[in-house]
Amino acid sequence: MDFQARYGYNYSQKNVLRGIKMTYVYSKDWTKEQIFDAANELVGKKLGEIDKTNWLEKRADKGRIGNMIQSDFFGIPANSIKGSDFVHHDIELKVTPVLKNKKNGIQF
């Protein structure tokens, strides 16, 4: 059973009013199991499927893919604050670097 079937959606009201539906909105009520179940849904997805707020069109920087997943998938506001992204569970989101190269395409 996938995360959505087990736990349901929880959309951010602010983004719903703007017409943007984040996949989830992390809160203190989540369990570590729910965080990992949701993260497993990212396996096999294309970046464009996750990008709800045009992160891929923004200026390239080393953290934009992680920020996109953090904000558009988990509903956690992107920031540059040191510390856990999932603050109530002391879990830090880490993303494998993606390099877009004209000669070789995308590399990990």
Protein backbone atom coordinates (compact mmCIF):
# COMPACT_ATOMS: atom_id res chain seq x y z
CA MET A 1 0.00 0.00 0.00
CA ASP A 2 1.48 3.39 -0.94
CA PHE A 3 1.76 6.42 1.33
CA GLN A 4 -1.27 8.20 -0.12
CA ALA A 5 -3.54 5.21 0.46
CA ARG A 6 -2.22 4.72 4.00
CA TYR A 7 -2.16 8.30 5.22
CA GLY A 8 -3.96 10.53 2.68
CA TYR A 9 -3.04 13.94 1.32
CA ASN A 10 -2.44 17.03 3.38
CA TYR A 11 -2.22 20.14 1.23
CA SER A 12 -0.90 23.52 2.33
CA GLN A 13 -3.84 25.96 2.45
CA LYS A 14 -1.66 28.84 1.21
CA ASN A 15 -0.62 26.96 -1.92
CA VAL A 16 -4.11 25.55 -2.54
CA LEU A 17 -5.41 29.12 -2.66
CA ARG A 18 -2.74 29.91 -5.26
CA GLY A 19 -3.78 26.82 -7.24
CA ILE A 20 -0.62 24.88 -6.35
CA LYS A 21 -0.97 21.48 -4.72
CA MET A 22 2.12 20.32 -2.89
CA THR A 23 2.27 16.57 -2.74
CA TYR A 24 2.41 16.56 1.09
CA VAL A 25 2.78 18.99 3.96
CA TYR A 26 5.10 17.69 6.67
CA SER A 27 4.07 18.26 10.28
CA LYS A 28 4.95 17.11 13.79
CA ASP A 29 2.11 14.59 13.53
CA TRP A 30 4.02 12.52 10.96
CA THR A 31 5.99 9.46 12.03
CA LYS A 32 9.45 8.56 10.74
CA GLU A 33 7.77 5.70 8.88
CA GLN A 34 5.51 8.17 7.08
CA ILE A 35 8.50 10.30 6.06
CA PHE A 36 10.32 7.29 4.60
CA ASP A 37 7.15 5.94 2.94
CA ALA A 38 6.61 9.29 1.23
CA ALA A 39 10.29 9.49 0.21
CA ASN A 40 10.02 6.06 -1.42
CA GLU A 41 7.37 7.49 -3.76
CA LEU A 42 10.12 9.63 -5.32
CA VAL A 43 11.86 6.55 -6.73
CA GLY A 44 11.51 6.52 -10.52
CA LYS A 45 9.88 9.96 -10.76
CA LYS A 46 11.15 12.54 -13.21
CA LEU A 47 12.16 15.90 -11.76
CA GLY A 48 9.50 17.63 -13.85
CA GLU A 49 6.81 15.54 -12.14
CA ILE A 50 7.86 16.89 -8.75
CA ASP A 51 8.43 20.54 -9.75
CA LYS A 52 5.22 22.43 -8.84
CA THR A 53 6.69 25.94 -8.54
CA ASN A 54 9.17 26.13 -11.44
CA TRP A 55 12.38 25.32 -9.54
CA LEU A 56 13.83 23.81 -12.71
CA GLU A 57 13.47 27.15 -14.51
CA LYS A 58 15.28 29.10 -11.79
CA ARG A 59 18.96 29.95 -11.82
CA ALA A 60 20.98 26.81 -11.42
CA ASP A 61 22.52 26.35 -8.00
CA LYS A 62 23.72 23.28 -6.19
CA GLY A 63 20.74 23.12 -3.84
CA ARG A 64 17.80 23.71 -6.14
CA ILE A 65 16.85 20.05 -6.65
CA GLY A 66 16.90 19.41 -2.90
CA ASN A 67 14.96 22.63 -2.29
CA MET A 68 12.41 21.61 -4.92
CA ILE A 69 11.85 18.21 -3.29
CA GLN A 70 11.75 19.77 0.17
CA SER A 71 9.19 22.44 -0.76
CA ASP A 72 7.16 20.96 -3.60
CA PHE A 73 7.01 17.33 -2.48
CA PHE A 74 7.20 17.47 1.32
CA GLY A 75 5.70 20.96 1.76
CA ILE A 76 8.62 22.17 3.88
CA PRO A 77 9.59 25.77 3.02
CA ALA A 78 13.00 25.88 1.31
CA ASN A 79 15.65 27.61 3.38
CA SER A 80 19.38 27.71 3.94
CA ILE A 81 19.20 27.19 7.69
CA LYS A 82 21.65 24.64 9.07
CA GLY A 83 19.89 21.77 10.79
CA SER A 84 17.24 19.16 10.17
CA ASP A 85 14.71 19.68 7.39
CA PHE A 86 12.23 17.42 9.19
CA VAL A 87 12.64 19.38 12.41
CA HIS A 88 10.28 17.30 14.55
CA HIS A 89 12.16 14.09 13.73
CA ASP A 90 15.78 15.29 13.44
CA ILE A 91 16.02 14.06 9.84
CA GLU A 92 17.98 15.93 7.16
CA LEU A 93 16.93 15.61 3.50
CA LYS A 94 19.86 14.68 1.25
CA VAL A 95 19.72 14.54 -2.54
CA THR A 96 22.23 12.94 -4.89
CA PRO A 97 23.79 15.68 -7.04
CA VAL A 98 22.54 15.97 -10.61
CA LEU A 99 24.79 17.46 -13.28
CA LYS A 100 23.39 18.56 -16.64
CA ASN A 101 26.20 18.33 -19.16
CA LYS A 102 25.89 19.30 -22.86
CA LYS A 103 28.19 16.49 -23.96
CA ASN A 104 26.92 13.60 -21.80
CA GLY A 105 23.41 14.69 -20.78
CA ILE A 106 22.41 14.29 -17.14
CA GLN A 107 24.86 12.65 -14.76
CA PHE A 108 24.52 11.60 -11.12
